N, C-alpha and C. Protein backbone atom coordinates (compact mmCIF):
# COMPACT_ATOMS: atom_id res chain seq x y z
N MET A 1 0.84 -1.17 0.00
CA MET A 1 0.00 0.00 0.00
C MET A 1 0.89 1.24 0.00
N ALA A 2 0.69 2.11 -0.94
CA ALA A 2 1.46 3.35 -1.01
C ALA A 2 0.73 4.44 -0.23
N ILE A 3 1.39 4.93 0.82
CA ILE A 3 0.81 6.02 1.61
C ILE A 3 1.83 7.14 1.68
N ASP A 4 1.32 8.36 1.85
CA ASP A 4 2.23 9.49 1.93
C ASP A 4 2.92 9.51 3.30
N GLU A 5 3.97 10.30 3.39
CA GLU A 5 4.80 10.31 4.59
C GLU A 5 4.02 10.75 5.83
N ARG A 6 3.17 11.74 5.69
CA ARG A 6 2.40 12.23 6.84
C ARG A 6 1.45 11.17 7.37
N THR A 7 0.75 10.48 6.47
CA THR A 7 -0.17 9.41 6.87
C THR A 7 0.59 8.28 7.52
N PHE A 8 1.72 7.89 6.91
CA PHE A 8 2.55 6.84 7.47
C PHE A 8 3.00 7.21 8.89
N SER A 9 3.51 8.40 9.07
CA SER A 9 4.02 8.81 10.37
C SER A 9 2.94 8.76 11.44
N ALA A 10 1.75 9.25 11.13
CA ALA A 10 0.64 9.25 12.09
C ALA A 10 0.22 7.82 12.43
N LEU A 11 0.10 6.97 11.41
CA LEU A 11 -0.31 5.59 11.61
C LEU A 11 0.75 4.82 12.42
N ALA A 12 2.01 5.02 12.09
CA ALA A 12 3.09 4.33 12.79
C ALA A 12 3.18 4.79 14.25
N GLU A 13 3.08 6.08 14.50
CA GLU A 13 3.13 6.59 15.88
C GLU A 13 1.97 6.05 16.71
N ARG A 14 0.79 6.02 16.11
CA ARG A 14 -0.39 5.49 16.81
C ARG A 14 -0.17 4.00 17.14
N THR A 15 0.40 3.26 16.21
CA THR A 15 0.66 1.84 16.42
C THR A 15 1.70 1.63 17.51
N LEU A 16 2.79 2.38 17.49
CA LEU A 16 3.83 2.24 18.50
C LEU A 16 3.29 2.57 19.89
N ARG A 17 2.48 3.62 19.99
CA ARG A 17 1.87 3.99 21.28
C ARG A 17 0.94 2.87 21.76
N HIS A 18 0.13 2.32 20.82
CA HIS A 18 -0.77 1.21 21.17
C HIS A 18 0.04 0.01 21.68
N LEU A 19 1.11 -0.34 20.99
CA LEU A 19 1.93 -1.48 21.40
C LEU A 19 2.51 -1.26 22.79
N MET A 20 3.02 -0.06 23.04
CA MET A 20 3.60 0.23 24.34
C MET A 20 2.53 0.07 25.44
N ASP A 21 1.38 0.68 25.24
CA ASP A 21 0.31 0.60 26.24
C ASP A 21 -0.14 -0.84 26.47
N ALA A 22 -0.31 -1.60 25.38
CA ALA A 22 -0.78 -2.98 25.49
C ALA A 22 0.25 -3.86 26.18
N ILE A 23 1.52 -3.69 25.85
CA ILE A 23 2.57 -4.51 26.45
C ILE A 23 2.75 -4.16 27.93
N GLU A 24 2.72 -2.89 28.25
CA GLU A 24 2.84 -2.50 29.66
C GLU A 24 1.69 -3.07 30.49
N GLY A 25 0.50 -3.13 29.90
CA GLY A 25 -0.65 -3.68 30.61
C GLY A 25 -0.63 -5.19 30.73
N ALA A 26 -0.07 -5.88 29.74
CA ALA A 26 -0.12 -7.35 29.70
C ALA A 26 1.14 -8.03 30.21
N CYS A 27 2.23 -7.32 30.23
CA CYS A 27 3.52 -7.94 30.56
C CYS A 27 4.22 -7.12 31.65
N PRO A 28 3.95 -7.44 32.92
CA PRO A 28 4.53 -6.66 34.00
C PRO A 28 6.06 -6.72 34.07
N ASP A 29 6.65 -7.73 33.45
CA ASP A 29 8.11 -7.85 33.44
C ASP A 29 8.78 -6.97 32.39
N ALA A 30 7.97 -6.33 31.54
CA ALA A 30 8.53 -5.53 30.44
C ALA A 30 8.72 -4.08 30.87
N ASP A 31 9.83 -3.51 30.47
CA ASP A 31 10.11 -2.09 30.67
C ASP A 31 10.09 -1.46 29.28
N CYS A 32 9.08 -0.61 29.03
CA CYS A 32 8.90 -0.03 27.70
C CYS A 32 9.24 1.45 27.69
N GLU A 33 9.85 1.87 26.58
CA GLU A 33 10.14 3.29 26.38
C GLU A 33 9.91 3.62 24.90
N LEU A 34 9.14 4.68 24.66
CA LEU A 34 8.89 5.15 23.30
C LEU A 34 9.50 6.53 23.16
N ARG A 35 10.46 6.64 22.24
CA ARG A 35 11.12 7.92 22.02
C ARG A 35 11.51 8.06 20.55
N ASP A 36 11.10 9.15 19.95
CA ASP A 36 11.48 9.48 18.57
C ASP A 36 11.19 8.36 17.58
N GLY A 37 10.01 7.73 17.71
CA GLY A 37 9.63 6.69 16.77
C GLY A 37 10.27 5.34 17.00
N ILE A 38 10.88 5.17 18.18
CA ILE A 38 11.53 3.90 18.52
C ILE A 38 10.97 3.41 19.85
N LEU A 39 10.37 2.23 19.81
CA LEU A 39 9.85 1.59 21.01
C LEU A 39 10.84 0.52 21.44
N THR A 40 11.38 0.68 22.65
CA THR A 40 12.31 -0.30 23.21
C THR A 40 11.58 -1.04 24.32
N ILE A 41 11.62 -2.37 24.25
CA ILE A 41 10.96 -3.22 25.23
C ILE A 41 12.02 -4.12 25.83
N GLU A 42 12.29 -3.94 27.10
CA GLU A 42 13.29 -4.77 27.78
C GLU A 42 12.56 -5.75 28.69
N VAL A 43 12.88 -7.03 28.51
CA VAL A 43 12.29 -8.09 29.33
C VAL A 43 13.47 -8.86 29.94
N ASP A 44 13.51 -8.88 31.28
CA ASP A 44 14.66 -9.45 31.98
C ASP A 44 15.09 -10.82 31.48
N ASP A 45 14.16 -11.75 31.37
CA ASP A 45 14.54 -13.12 31.02
C ASP A 45 14.59 -13.39 29.51
N THR A 46 14.31 -12.38 28.70
CA THR A 46 14.25 -12.57 27.25
C THR A 46 15.26 -11.73 26.49
N GLY A 47 15.36 -10.46 26.83
CA GLY A 47 16.25 -9.55 26.12
C GLY A 47 15.54 -8.28 25.72
N THR A 48 16.08 -7.61 24.74
CA THR A 48 15.56 -6.32 24.29
C THR A 48 14.94 -6.44 22.90
N PHE A 49 13.71 -5.97 22.81
CA PHE A 49 13.00 -5.88 21.54
C PHE A 49 13.03 -4.42 21.12
N VAL A 50 13.19 -4.18 19.82
CA VAL A 50 13.15 -2.82 19.30
C VAL A 50 12.13 -2.79 18.16
N VAL A 51 11.17 -1.87 18.27
CA VAL A 51 10.16 -1.69 17.23
C VAL A 51 10.27 -0.24 16.79
N ASN A 52 10.52 -0.02 15.51
CA ASN A 52 10.69 1.37 15.07
C ASN A 52 10.05 1.61 13.71
N LYS A 53 9.71 2.86 13.49
CA LYS A 53 9.20 3.22 12.17
C LYS A 53 10.39 3.48 11.26
N HIS A 54 10.26 3.00 10.04
CA HIS A 54 11.31 3.18 9.04
C HIS A 54 10.68 3.96 7.89
N ALA A 55 10.83 5.28 7.97
CA ALA A 55 10.15 6.18 7.03
C ALA A 55 10.52 5.97 5.55
N PRO A 56 11.79 5.73 5.20
CA PRO A 56 12.11 5.58 3.78
C PRO A 56 11.30 4.47 3.09
N ASN A 57 11.05 3.37 3.81
CA ASN A 57 10.28 2.26 3.23
C ASN A 57 8.82 2.27 3.64
N ARG A 58 8.46 3.21 4.51
CA ARG A 58 7.09 3.29 5.05
C ARG A 58 6.71 1.95 5.71
N GLU A 59 7.60 1.48 6.58
CA GLU A 59 7.42 0.21 7.27
C GLU A 59 7.68 0.38 8.77
N ILE A 60 7.23 -0.59 9.53
CA ILE A 60 7.63 -0.72 10.92
C ILE A 60 8.54 -1.93 10.98
N TRP A 61 9.69 -1.75 11.63
CA TRP A 61 10.66 -2.83 11.75
C TRP A 61 10.70 -3.32 13.18
N LEU A 62 10.85 -4.63 13.34
CA LEU A 62 10.96 -5.27 14.64
C LEU A 62 12.27 -6.04 14.71
N SER A 63 13.01 -5.82 15.78
CA SER A 63 14.18 -6.62 16.10
C SER A 63 13.83 -7.37 17.37
N SER A 64 13.77 -8.70 17.27
CA SER A 64 13.35 -9.53 18.39
C SER A 64 14.44 -10.52 18.77
N PRO A 65 14.73 -10.66 20.07
CA PRO A 65 15.71 -11.66 20.47
C PRO A 65 15.18 -13.09 20.31
N ARG A 66 13.90 -13.24 20.08
CA ARG A 66 13.30 -14.57 19.91
C ARG A 66 13.13 -14.94 18.44
N SER A 67 12.54 -14.06 17.65
CA SER A 67 12.19 -14.42 16.27
C SER A 67 13.02 -13.70 15.21
N GLY A 68 13.91 -12.82 15.62
CA GLY A 68 14.78 -12.16 14.67
C GLY A 68 14.25 -10.84 14.14
N ALA A 69 14.65 -10.53 12.91
CA ALA A 69 14.30 -9.25 12.29
C ALA A 69 13.06 -9.39 11.41
N TRP A 70 12.19 -8.40 11.50
CA TRP A 70 10.95 -8.38 10.73
C TRP A 70 10.73 -6.99 10.15
N HIS A 71 10.07 -6.95 8.99
CA HIS A 71 9.62 -5.70 8.38
C HIS A 71 8.12 -5.84 8.14
N PHE A 72 7.36 -4.82 8.54
CA PHE A 72 5.91 -4.84 8.40
C PHE A 72 5.45 -3.61 7.62
N ALA A 73 4.56 -3.83 6.67
CA ALA A 73 3.98 -2.75 5.88
C ALA A 73 2.49 -2.66 6.18
N PRO A 74 1.91 -1.48 6.03
CA PRO A 74 0.47 -1.37 6.30
C PRO A 74 -0.33 -2.15 5.26
N ASP A 75 -1.41 -2.80 5.72
CA ASP A 75 -2.25 -3.52 4.77
C ASP A 75 -3.11 -2.53 3.99
N GLU A 76 -3.87 -3.03 3.04
CA GLU A 76 -4.68 -2.18 2.17
C GLU A 76 -5.64 -1.28 2.93
N ALA A 77 -6.20 -1.78 4.03
CA ALA A 77 -7.15 -0.99 4.82
C ALA A 77 -6.43 -0.01 5.73
N GLY A 78 -5.11 -0.18 5.90
CA GLY A 78 -4.34 0.73 6.72
C GLY A 78 -4.51 0.51 8.21
N GLY A 79 -5.10 -0.62 8.61
CA GLY A 79 -5.34 -0.86 10.01
C GLY A 79 -4.40 -1.85 10.66
N ARG A 80 -3.71 -2.65 9.83
CA ARG A 80 -2.80 -3.67 10.37
C ARG A 80 -1.45 -3.54 9.68
N TRP A 81 -0.44 -4.04 10.37
CA TRP A 81 0.91 -4.09 9.81
C TRP A 81 1.23 -5.55 9.54
N VAL A 82 1.47 -5.86 8.27
CA VAL A 82 1.65 -7.24 7.82
C VAL A 82 3.09 -7.42 7.35
N SER A 83 3.68 -8.57 7.71
CA SER A 83 5.06 -8.86 7.34
C SER A 83 5.25 -8.79 5.83
N THR A 84 6.39 -8.25 5.44
CA THR A 84 6.71 -8.16 4.01
C THR A 84 7.17 -9.50 3.46
N ARG A 85 7.38 -10.49 4.33
CA ARG A 85 7.82 -11.81 3.85
C ARG A 85 6.76 -12.89 4.04
N GLY A 86 5.57 -12.51 4.45
CA GLY A 86 4.50 -13.47 4.67
C GLY A 86 3.23 -12.77 5.09
N ASN A 87 2.37 -13.48 5.78
CA ASN A 87 1.10 -12.89 6.20
C ASN A 87 1.04 -12.63 7.70
N GLU A 88 2.18 -12.67 8.39
CA GLU A 88 2.19 -12.45 9.82
C GLU A 88 1.85 -11.01 10.15
N VAL A 89 1.11 -10.83 11.23
CA VAL A 89 0.70 -9.50 11.68
C VAL A 89 1.59 -9.10 12.86
N LEU A 90 1.97 -7.84 12.91
CA LEU A 90 2.89 -7.33 13.93
C LEU A 90 2.47 -7.72 15.34
N GLU A 91 1.23 -7.48 15.72
CA GLU A 91 0.79 -7.80 17.08
C GLU A 91 0.87 -9.30 17.37
N ASP A 92 0.61 -10.13 16.36
CA ASP A 92 0.68 -11.58 16.54
C ASP A 92 2.12 -12.05 16.78
N VAL A 93 3.06 -11.47 16.06
CA VAL A 93 4.47 -11.84 16.24
C VAL A 93 4.94 -11.43 17.64
N LEU A 94 4.62 -10.20 18.04
CA LEU A 94 5.00 -9.75 19.37
C LEU A 94 4.31 -10.57 20.46
N SER A 95 3.05 -10.91 20.26
CA SER A 95 2.32 -11.73 21.23
C SER A 95 3.03 -13.06 21.43
N ALA A 96 3.40 -13.70 20.34
CA ALA A 96 4.09 -14.99 20.42
C ALA A 96 5.45 -14.85 21.08
N ASP A 97 6.19 -13.82 20.73
CA ASP A 97 7.53 -13.63 21.28
C ASP A 97 7.50 -13.29 22.77
N LEU A 98 6.51 -12.51 23.19
CA LEU A 98 6.45 -12.07 24.58
C LEU A 98 5.61 -13.01 25.45
N GLY A 99 4.81 -13.87 24.81
CA GLY A 99 3.97 -14.79 25.57
C GLY A 99 2.78 -14.13 26.22
N VAL A 100 2.31 -13.03 25.64
CA VAL A 100 1.13 -12.32 26.14
C VAL A 100 0.24 -11.96 24.95
N ALA A 101 -1.04 -11.72 25.22
CA ALA A 101 -1.97 -11.32 24.16
C ALA A 101 -1.89 -9.82 23.95
N ILE A 102 -1.57 -9.43 22.73
CA ILE A 102 -1.56 -8.02 22.35
C ILE A 102 -2.65 -7.83 21.30
N PRO A 103 -3.71 -7.10 21.65
CA PRO A 103 -4.80 -6.93 20.69
C PRO A 103 -4.37 -6.03 19.53
N ALA A 104 -5.05 -6.19 18.42
CA ALA A 104 -4.78 -5.33 17.25
C ALA A 104 -5.17 -3.91 17.59
N ALA A 105 -4.45 -2.97 17.01
CA ALA A 105 -4.78 -1.55 17.20
C ALA A 105 -6.07 -1.23 16.47
N ALA A 106 -6.82 -0.30 17.00
CA ALA A 106 -8.05 0.15 16.34
C ALA A 106 -7.70 0.89 15.07
N ALA A 107 -8.41 0.60 14.01
CA ALA A 107 -8.12 1.25 12.72
C ALA A 107 -8.51 2.70 12.71
């Protein structure tokens, strides 16, 4: 889906804020920080996850100590972030990696 930079930035920021709020609520062992489009999630027994917006590609990137590196692009409806290498959804990958349920962000 081709979206302009302003739309991408707003959608990505909303998604990162949603992820931070959901993870803080569901995973008491996680220490989350969102700064300048980069969400850092530190989990004592797992490691550090980094979720960031990547403006040049209009994607959200995930670096996970469990599942590795991921790139997610907005789907056609603009409500979900879907892996560029398959059909995995960002919240589903993070849910599996963290072992908690992270609901999809509201469109």
